[in-house]
Amino acid sequence: MNEQLEKLHDEALLSQFKIDKQLKITISLTMVIQRQLALLAQKTGTPVEQMCRKFILENLANVDVSDKQVDNAALVVQRVLKK
């Protein structure tokens, strides 16, 4: 099924339940993410459980992620935790 039909299917499914609007948005986004990760897993042969942030960024955004960039992100987290 293509993305448009998948999205329509998700909306039709969600519309049958009395769920908070914000929660519906969250669930809808999660369904999109699940499809993207499943497609990436199929394309690369890598199980979702083995995908790290670097792998996802490189494959979905088509960019090269250096170890230094990964380390810089970790430093930001460490600084926030120290506050």
PDB file of N, CA and C in Angstrom:
ATOM      1  N   MET A   1       0.847  -1.183   0.000  1.00  0.00           N
ATOM      2  CA  MET A   1       0.000   0.000   0.000  1.00  0.00           C
ATOM      3  C   MET A   1       0.887   1.238   0.000  1.00  0.00           C
ATOM      4  N   ASN A   2       0.508   2.251  -0.757  1.00  0.00           N
ATOM      5  CA  ASN A   2       1.337   3.453  -0.758  1.00  0.00           C
ATOM      6  C   ASN A   2       1.035   4.322   0.467  1.00  0.00           C
ATOM      7  N   GLU A   3       1.859   5.331   0.667  1.00  0.00           N
ATOM      8  CA  GLU A   3       1.775   6.157   1.879  1.00  0.00           C
ATOM      9  C   GLU A   3       0.416   6.832   2.037  1.00  0.00           C
ATOM     10  N   GLN A   4      -0.165   7.318   0.940  1.00  0.00           N
ATOM     11  CA  GLN A   4      -1.478   7.980   1.000  1.00  0.00           C
ATOM     12  C   GLN A   4      -2.550   7.013   1.507  1.00  0.00           C
ATOM     13  N   LEU A   5      -2.532   5.791   0.973  1.00  0.00           N
ATOM     14  CA  LEU A   5      -3.521   4.806   1.395  1.00  0.00           C
ATOM     15  C   LEU A   5      -3.282   4.360   2.836  1.00  0.00           C
ATOM     16  N   GLU A   6      -2.028   4.240   3.221  1.00  0.00           N
ATOM     17  CA  GLU A   6      -1.707   3.883   4.605  1.00  0.00           C
ATOM     18  C   GLU A   6      -2.225   4.952   5.561  1.00  0.00           C
ATOM     19  N   LYS A   7      -2.003   6.212   5.210  1.00  0.00           N
ATOM     20  CA  LYS A   7      -2.464   7.314   6.045  1.00  0.00           C
ATOM     21  C   LYS A   7      -3.993   7.322   6.135  1.00  0.00           C
ATOM     22  N   LEU A   8      -4.656   7.096   5.012  1.00  0.00           N
ATOM     23  CA  LEU A   8      -6.121   7.022   5.003  1.00  0.00           C
ATOM     24  C   LEU A   8      -6.610   5.879   5.883  1.00  0.00           C
ATOM     25  N   HIS A   9      -5.939   4.748   5.809  1.00  0.00           N
ATOM     26  CA  HIS A   9      -6.290   3.587   6.631  1.00  0.00           C
ATOM     27  C   HIS A   9      -6.135   3.930   8.113  1.00  0.00           C
ATOM     28  N   ASP A  10      -5.022   4.590   8.468  1.00  0.00           N
ATOM     29  CA  ASP A  10      -4.800   4.993   9.863  1.00  0.00           C
ATOM     30  C   ASP A  10      -5.895   5.930  10.351  1.00  0.00           C
ATOM     31  N   GLU A  11      -6.223   6.925   9.538  1.00  0.00           N
ATOM     32  CA  GLU A  11      -7.253   7.893   9.913  1.00  0.00           C
ATOM     33  C   GLU A  11      -8.615   7.219  10.071  1.00  0.00           C
ATOM     34  N   ALA A  12      -8.938   6.291   9.164  1.00  0.00           N
ATOM     35  CA  ALA A  12     -10.210   5.577   9.254  1.00  0.00           C
ATOM     36  C   ALA A  12     -10.263   4.719  10.509  1.00  0.00           C
ATOM     37  N   LEU A  13      -9.156   4.123  10.855  1.00  0.00           N
ATOM     38  CA  LEU A  13      -9.094   3.303  12.067  1.00  0.00           C
ATOM     39  C   LEU A  13      -9.239   4.170  13.314  1.00  0.00           C
ATOM     40  N   LEU A  14      -8.466   5.245  13.385  1.00  0.00           N
ATOM     41  CA  LEU A  14      -8.496   6.111  14.565  1.00  0.00           C
ATOM     42  C   LEU A  14      -9.837   6.815  14.749  1.00  0.00           C
ATOM     43  N   SER A  15     -10.515   7.119  13.662  1.00  0.00           N
ATOM     44  CA  SER A  15     -11.784   7.848  13.759  1.00  0.00           C
ATOM     45  C   SER A  15     -12.886   7.035  14.426  1.00  0.00           C
ATOM     46  N   GLN A  16     -12.674   5.751  14.558  1.00  0.00           N
ATOM     47  CA  GLN A  16     -13.682   4.882  15.168  1.00  0.00           C
ATOM     48  C   GLN A  16     -13.633   4.886  16.698  1.00  0.00           C
ATOM     49  N   PHE A  17     -12.652   5.577  17.261  1.00  0.00           N
ATOM     50  CA  PHE A  17     -12.480   5.555  18.711  1.00  0.00           C
ATOM     51  C   PHE A  17     -12.576   6.955  19.298  1.00  0.00           C
ATOM     52  N   LYS A  18     -13.134   7.030  20.492  1.00  0.00           N
ATOM     53  CA  LYS A  18     -13.197   8.298  21.206  1.00  0.00           C
ATOM     54  C   LYS A  18     -11.890   8.454  21.977  1.00  0.00           C
ATOM     55  N   ILE A  19     -10.936   9.076  21.299  1.00  0.00           N
ATOM     56  CA  ILE A  19      -9.612   9.287  21.869  1.00  0.00           C
ATOM     57  C   ILE A  19      -9.334  10.785  21.826  1.00  0.00           C
ATOM     58  N   ASP A  20      -8.682  11.275  22.866  1.00  0.00           N
ATOM     59  CA  ASP A  20      -8.277  12.677  22.941  1.00  0.00           C
ATOM     60  C   ASP A  20      -7.556  13.080  21.649  1.00  0.00           C
ATOM     61  N   LYS A  21      -7.836  14.307  21.172  1.00  0.00           N
ATOM     62  CA  LYS A  21      -7.277  14.780  19.903  1.00  0.00           C
ATOM     63  C   LYS A  21      -5.751  14.749  19.905  1.00  0.00           C
ATOM     64  N   GLN A  22      -5.132  15.178  20.999  1.00  0.00           N
ATOM     65  CA  GLN A  22      -3.669  15.177  21.084  1.00  0.00           C
ATOM     66  C   GLN A  22      -3.122  13.756  21.009  1.00  0.00           C
ATOM     67  N   LEU A  23      -3.796  12.827  21.670  1.00  0.00           N
ATOM     68  CA  LEU A  23      -3.375  11.434  21.642  1.00  0.00           C
ATOM     69  C   LEU A  23      -3.524  10.860  20.235  1.00  0.00           C
ATOM     70  N   LYS A  24      -4.584  11.235  19.536  1.00  0.00           N
ATOM     71  CA  LYS A  24      -4.759  10.776  18.152  1.00  0.00           C
ATOM     72  C   LYS A  24      -3.610  11.252  17.269  1.00  0.00           C
ATOM     73  N   ILE A  25      -3.191  12.492  17.474  1.00  0.00           N
ATOM     74  CA  ILE A  25      -2.072  13.030  16.695  1.00  0.00           C
ATOM     75  C   ILE A  25      -0.802  12.243  16.997  1.00  0.00           C
ATOM     76  N   THR A  26      -0.572  11.982  18.269  1.00  0.00           N
ATOM     77  CA  THR A  26       0.608  11.214  18.676  1.00  0.00           C
ATOM     78  C   THR A  26       0.585   9.814  18.081  1.00  0.00           C
ATOM     79  N   ILE A  27      -0.551   9.165  18.146  1.00  0.00           N
ATOM     80  CA  ILE A  27      -0.677   7.809  17.601  1.00  0.00           C
ATOM     81  C   ILE A  27      -0.487   7.820  16.089  1.00  0.00           C
ATOM     82  N   SER A  28      -1.058   8.812  15.425  1.00  0.00           N
ATOM     83  CA  SER A  28      -0.918   8.926  13.975  1.00  0.00           C
ATOM     84  C   SER A  28       0.549   9.094  13.580  1.00  0.00           C
ATOM     85  N   LEU A  29       1.269   9.948  14.304  1.00  0.00           N
ATOM     86  CA  LEU A  29       2.692  10.129  14.036  1.00  0.00           C
ATOM     87  C   LEU A  29       3.476   8.853  14.304  1.00  0.00           C
ATOM     88  N   THR A  30       3.115   8.144  15.347  1.00  0.00           N
ATOM     89  CA  THR A  30       3.777   6.879  15.670  1.00  0.00           C
ATOM     90  C   THR A  30       3.563   5.864  14.555  1.00  0.00           C
ATOM     91  N   MET A  31       2.379   5.840  13.971  1.00  0.00           N
ATOM     92  CA  MET A  31       2.100   4.926  12.867  1.00  0.00           C
ATOM     93  C   MET A  31       2.956   5.267  11.644  1.00  0.00           C
ATOM     94  N   VAL A  32       3.134   6.553  11.382  1.00  0.00           N
ATOM     95  CA  VAL A  32       3.995   6.977  10.272  1.00  0.00           C
ATOM     96  C   VAL A  32       5.438   6.552  10.542  1.00  0.00           C
ATOM     97  N   ILE A  33       5.888   6.785  11.756  1.00  0.00           N
ATOM     98  CA  ILE A  33       7.254   6.413  12.135  1.00  0.00           C
ATOM     99  C   ILE A  33       7.452   4.906  11.992  1.00  0.00           C
ATOM    100  N   GLN A  34       6.468   4.140  12.426  1.00  0.00           N
ATOM    101  CA  GLN A  34       6.559   2.679  12.326  1.00  0.00           C
ATOM    102  C   GLN A  34       6.708   2.248  10.881  1.00  0.00           C
ATOM    103  N   ARG A  35       5.953   2.867   9.986  1.00  0.00           N
ATOM    104  CA  ARG A  35       6.043   2.517   8.564  1.00  0.00           C
ATOM    105  C   ARG A  35       7.419   2.877   8.008  1.00  0.00           C
ATOM    106  N   GLN A  36       7.922   4.040   8.381  1.00  0.00           N
ATOM    107  CA  GLN A  36       9.228   4.470   7.889  1.00  0.00           C
ATOM    108  C   GLN A  36      10.333   3.536   8.381  1.00  0.00           C
ATOM    109  N   LEU A  37      10.269   3.160   9.652  1.00  0.00           N
ATOM    110  CA  LEU A  37      11.287   2.256  10.191  1.00  0.00           C
ATOM    111  C   LEU A  37      11.181   0.863   9.578  1.00  0.00           C
ATOM    112  N   ALA A  38       9.972   0.393   9.362  1.00  0.00           N
ATOM    113  CA  ALA A  38       9.793  -0.919   8.726  1.00  0.00           C
ATOM    114  C   ALA A  38      10.354  -0.902   7.313  1.00  0.00           C
ATOM    115  N   LEU A  39      10.104   0.181   6.586  1.00  0.00           N
ATOM    116  CA  LEU A  39      10.623   0.324   5.226  1.00  0.00           C
ATOM    117  C   LEU A  39      12.150   0.394   5.228  1.00  0.00           C
ATOM    118  N   LEU A  40      12.712   1.140   6.175  1.00  0.00           N
ATOM    119  CA  LEU A  40      14.160   1.239   6.294  1.00  0.00           C
ATOM    120  C   LEU A  40      14.774  -0.118   6.633  1.00  0.00           C
ATOM    121  N   ALA A  41      14.127  -0.851   7.521  1.00  0.00           N
ATOM    122  CA  ALA A  41      14.611  -2.186   7.887  1.00  0.00           C
ATOM    123  C   ALA A  41      14.598  -3.108   6.674  1.00  0.00           C
ATOM    124  N   GLN A  42      13.543  -3.042   5.906  1.00  0.00           N
ATOM    125  CA  GLN A  42      13.427  -3.873   4.702  1.00  0.00           C
ATOM    126  C   GLN A  42      14.498  -3.485   3.673  1.00  0.00           C
ATOM    127  N   LYS A  43      14.693  -2.187   3.492  1.00  0.00           N
ATOM    128  CA  LYS A  43      15.637  -1.681   2.494  1.00  0.00           C
ATOM    129  C   LYS A  43      17.088  -2.020   2.852  1.00  0.00           C
ATOM    130  N   THR A  44      17.420  -1.910   4.139  1.00  0.00           N
ATOM    131  CA  THR A  44      18.814  -2.074   4.551  1.00  0.00           C
ATOM    132  C   THR A  44      19.125  -3.459   5.115  1.00  0.00           C
ATOM    133  N   GLY A  45      18.076  -4.221   5.448  1.00  0.00           N
ATOM    134  CA  GLY A  45      18.298  -5.520   6.071  1.00  0.00           C
ATOM    135  C   GLY A  45      18.726  -5.417   7.526  1.00  0.00           C
ATOM    136  N   THR A  46      18.518  -4.249   8.121  1.00  0.00           N
ATOM    137  CA  THR A  46      18.888  -4.014   9.513  1.00  0.00           C
ATOM    138  C   THR A  46      17.635  -4.024  10.387  1.00  0.00           C
ATOM    139  N   PRO A  47      17.603  -4.884  11.401  1.00  0.00           N
ATOM    140  CA  PRO A  47      16.441  -4.887  12.300  1.00  0.00           C
ATOM    141  C   PRO A  47      16.305  -3.546  13.021  1.00  0.00           C
ATOM    142  N   VAL A  48      15.076  -3.126  13.254  1.00  0.00           N
ATOM    143  CA  VAL A  48      14.811  -1.852  13.915  1.00  0.00           C
ATOM    144  C   VAL A  48      15.543  -1.779  15.253  1.00  0.00           C
ATOM    145  N   GLU A  49      15.599  -2.886  15.967  1.00  0.00           N
ATOM    146  CA  GLU A  49      16.245  -2.907  17.288  1.00  0.00           C
ATOM    147  C   GLU A  49      17.730  -2.563  17.207  1.00  0.00           C
ATOM    148  N   GLN A  50      18.335  -2.728  16.063  1.00  0.00           N
ATOM    149  CA  GLN A  50      19.764  -2.451  15.908  1.00  0.00           C
ATOM    150  C   GLN A  50      20.041  -1.059  15.320  1.00  0.00           C
ATOM    151  N   MET A  51      19.003  -0.310  15.028  1.00  0.00           N
ATOM    152  CA  MET A  51      19.177   1.017  14.442  1.00  0.00           C
ATOM    153  C   MET A  51      19.464   2.035  15.536  1.00  0.00           C
ATOM    154  N   CYS A  52      20.601   2.721  15.400  1.00  0.00           N
ATOM    155  CA  CYS A  52      20.946   3.793  16.333  1.00  0.00           C
ATOM    156  C   CYS A  52      20.554   5.128  15.693  1.00  0.00           C
ATOM    157  N   ARG A  53      20.664   6.184  16.457  1.00  0.00           N
ATOM    158  CA  ARG A  53      20.323   7.514  15.938  1.00  0.00           C
ATOM    159  C   ARG A  53      21.153   7.852  14.701  1.00  0.00           C
ATOM    160  N   LYS A  54      22.439   7.542  14.757  1.00  0.00           N
ATOM    161  CA  LYS A  54      23.341   7.831  13.632  1.00  0.00           C
ATOM    162  C   LYS A  54      22.874   7.107  12.374  1.00  0.00           C
ATOM    163  N   PHE A  55      22.545   5.828  12.504  1.00  0.00           N
ATOM    164  CA  PHE A  55      22.079   5.025  11.376  1.00  0.00           C
ATOM    165  C   PHE A  55      20.801   5.608  10.781  1.00  0.00           C
ATOM    166  N   ILE A  56      19.853   5.956  11.645  1.00  0.00           N
ATOM    167  CA  ILE A  56      18.568   6.498  11.182  1.00  0.00           C
ATOM    168  C   ILE A  56      18.787   7.830  10.468  1.00  0.00           C
ATOM    169  N   LEU A  57      19.583   8.703  11.057  1.00  0.00           N
ATOM    170  CA  LEU A  57      19.847  10.007  10.447  1.00  0.00           C
ATOM    171  C   LEU A  57      20.539   9.859   9.105  1.00  0.00           C
ATOM    172  N   GLU A  58      21.543   9.006   9.037  1.00  0.00           N
ATOM    173  CA  GLU A  58      22.268   8.812   7.777  1.00  0.00           C
ATOM    174  C   GLU A  58      21.364   8.252   6.685  1.00  0.00           C
ATOM    175  N   ASN A  59      20.501   7.327   7.040  1.00  0.00           N
ATOM    176  CA  ASN A  59      19.679   6.665   6.027  1.00  0.00           C
ATOM    177  C   ASN A  59      18.409   7.426   5.664  1.00  0.00           C
ATOM    178  N   LEU A  60      17.795   8.114   6.608  1.00  0.00           N
ATOM    179  CA  LEU A  60      16.566   8.850   6.278  1.00  0.00           C
ATOM    180  C   LEU A  60      16.840  10.254   5.763  1.00  0.00           C
ATOM    181  N   ALA A  61      17.898  10.903   6.274  1.00  0.00           N
ATOM    182  CA  ALA A  61      18.221  12.262   5.825  1.00  0.00           C
ATOM    183  C   ALA A  61      19.305  12.262   4.760  1.00  0.00           C
ATOM    184  N   ASN A  62      19.887  11.091   4.513  1.00  0.00           N
ATOM    185  CA  ASN A  62      20.931  10.951   3.508  1.00  0.00           C
ATOM    186  C   ASN A  62      22.094  11.914   3.761  1.00  0.00           C
ATOM    187  N   VAL A  63      22.584  11.902   5.009  1.00  0.00           N
ATOM    188  CA  VAL A  63      23.727  12.726   5.397  1.00  0.00           C
ATOM    189  C   VAL A  63      24.786  11.832   6.035  1.00  0.00           C
ATOM    190  N   ASP A  64      26.013  12.312   6.049  1.00  0.00           N
ATOM    191  CA  ASP A  64      27.083  11.607   6.746  1.00  0.00           C
ATOM    192  C   ASP A  64      27.172  12.165   8.159  1.00  0.00           C
ATOM    193  N   VAL A  65      27.159  11.282   9.141  1.00  0.00           N
ATOM    194  CA  VAL A  65      27.248  11.688  10.546  1.00  0.00           C
ATOM    195  C   VAL A  65      28.596  11.223  11.080  1.00  0.00           C
ATOM    196  N   SER A  66      29.395  12.182  11.522  1.00  0.00           N
ATOM    197  CA  SER A  66      30.723  11.844  12.041  1.00  0.00           C
ATOM    198  C   SER A  66      30.637  11.457  13.516  1.00  0.00           C
ATOM    199  N   ASP A  67      31.662  10.766  13.968  1.00  0.00           N
ATOM    200  CA  ASP A  67      31.738  10.417  15.389  1.00  0.00           C
ATOM    201  C   ASP A  67      31.812  11.685  16.234  1.00  0.00           C
ATOM    202  N   LYS A  68      32.474  12.718  15.714  1.00  0.00           N
ATOM    203  CA  LYS A  68      32.571  13.984  16.442  1.00  0.00           C
ATOM    204  C   LYS A  68      31.193  14.598  16.654  1.00  0.00           C
ATOM    205  N   GLN A  69      30.331  14.528  15.659  1.00  0.00           N
ATOM    206  CA  GLN A  69      28.977  15.064  15.802  1.00  0.00           C
ATOM    207  C   GLN A  69      28.182  14.278  16.854  1.00  0.00           C
ATOM    208  N   VAL A  70      28.368  12.974  16.860  1.00  0.00           N
ATOM    209  CA  VAL A  70      27.708  12.131  17.866  1.00  0.00           C
ATOM    210  C   VAL A  70      28.229  12.506  19.258  1.00  0.00           C
ATOM    211  N   ASP A  71      29.543  12.684  19.372  1.00  0.00           N
ATOM    212  CA  ASP A  71      30.146  13.073  20.649  1.00  0.00           C
ATOM    213  C   ASP A  71      29.664  14.453  21.096  1.00  0.00           C
ATOM    214  N   ASN A  72      29.540  15.396  20.160  1.00  0.00           N
ATOM    215  CA  ASN A  72      29.041  16.735  20.490  1.00  0.00           C
ATOM    216  C   ASN A  72      27.626  16.673  21.052  1.00  0.00           C
ATOM    217  N   ALA A  73      26.794  15.834  20.482  1.00  0.00           N
ATOM    218  CA  ALA A  73      25.423  15.677  20.978  1.00  0.00           C
ATOM    219  C   ALA A  73      25.434  15.114  22.402  1.00  0.00           C
ATOM    220  N   ALA A  74      26.327  14.165  22.651  1.00  0.00           N
ATOM    221  CA  ALA A  74      26.439  13.586  23.995  1.00  0.00           C
ATOM    222  C   ALA A  74      26.905  14.638  24.996  1.00  0.00           C
ATOM    223  N   LEU A  75      27.791  15.532  24.573  1.00  0.00           N
ATOM    224  CA  LEU A  75      28.254  16.611  25.454  1.00  0.00           C
ATOM    225  C   LEU A  75      27.121  17.555  25.829  1.00  0.00           C
ATOM    226  N   VAL A  76      26.250  17.845  24.886  1.00  0.00           N
ATOM    227  CA  VAL A  76      25.097  18.706  25.163  1.00  0.00           C
ATOM    228  C   VAL A  76      24.233  18.063  26.246  1.00  0.00           C
ATOM    229  N   VAL A  77      23.995  16.782  26.128  1.00  0.00           N
ATOM    230  CA  VAL A  77      23.183  16.072  27.119  1.00  0.00           C
ATOM    231  C   VAL A  77      23.862  16.124  28.489  1.00  0.00           C
ATOM    232  N   GLN A  78      25.167  15.909  28.523  1.00  0.00           N
ATOM    233  CA  GLN A  78      25.902  15.963  29.791  1.00  0.00           C
ATOM    234  C   GLN A  78      25.813  17.336  30.430  1.00  0.00           C
ATOM    235  N   ARG A  79      25.914  18.391  29.630  1.00  0.00           N
ATOM    236  CA  ARG A  79      25.800  19.745  30.164  1.00  0.00           C
ATOM    237  C   ARG A  79      24.423  20.006  30.761  1.00  0.00           C
ATOM    238  N   VAL A  80      23.391  19.529  30.087  1.00  0.00           N
ATOM    239  CA  VAL A  80      22.030  19.709  30.583  1.00  0.00           C
ATOM    240  C   VAL A  80      21.838  18.945  31.904  1.00  0.00           C
ATOM    241  N   LEU A  81      22.385  17.754  31.977  1.00  0.00           N
ATOM    242  CA  LEU A  81      22.248  16.958  33.200  1.00  0.00           C
ATOM    243  C   LEU A  81      22.977  17.583  34.383  1.00  0.00           C
ATOM    244  N   LYS A  82      24.036  18.335  34.136  1.00  0.00           N
ATOM    245  CA  LYS A  82      24.802  18.977  35.212  1.00  0.00           C
ATOM    246  C   LYS A  82      24.060  20.166  35.808  1.00  0.00           C
ATOM    247  N   LYS A  83      23.116  20.721  35.076  1.00  0.00           N
ATOM    248  CA  LYS A  83      22.382  21.925  35.559  1.00  0.00           C
ATOM    249  C   LYS A  83      21.444  21.580  36.679  1.00  0.00           C
TER     250      LYS A  83
END
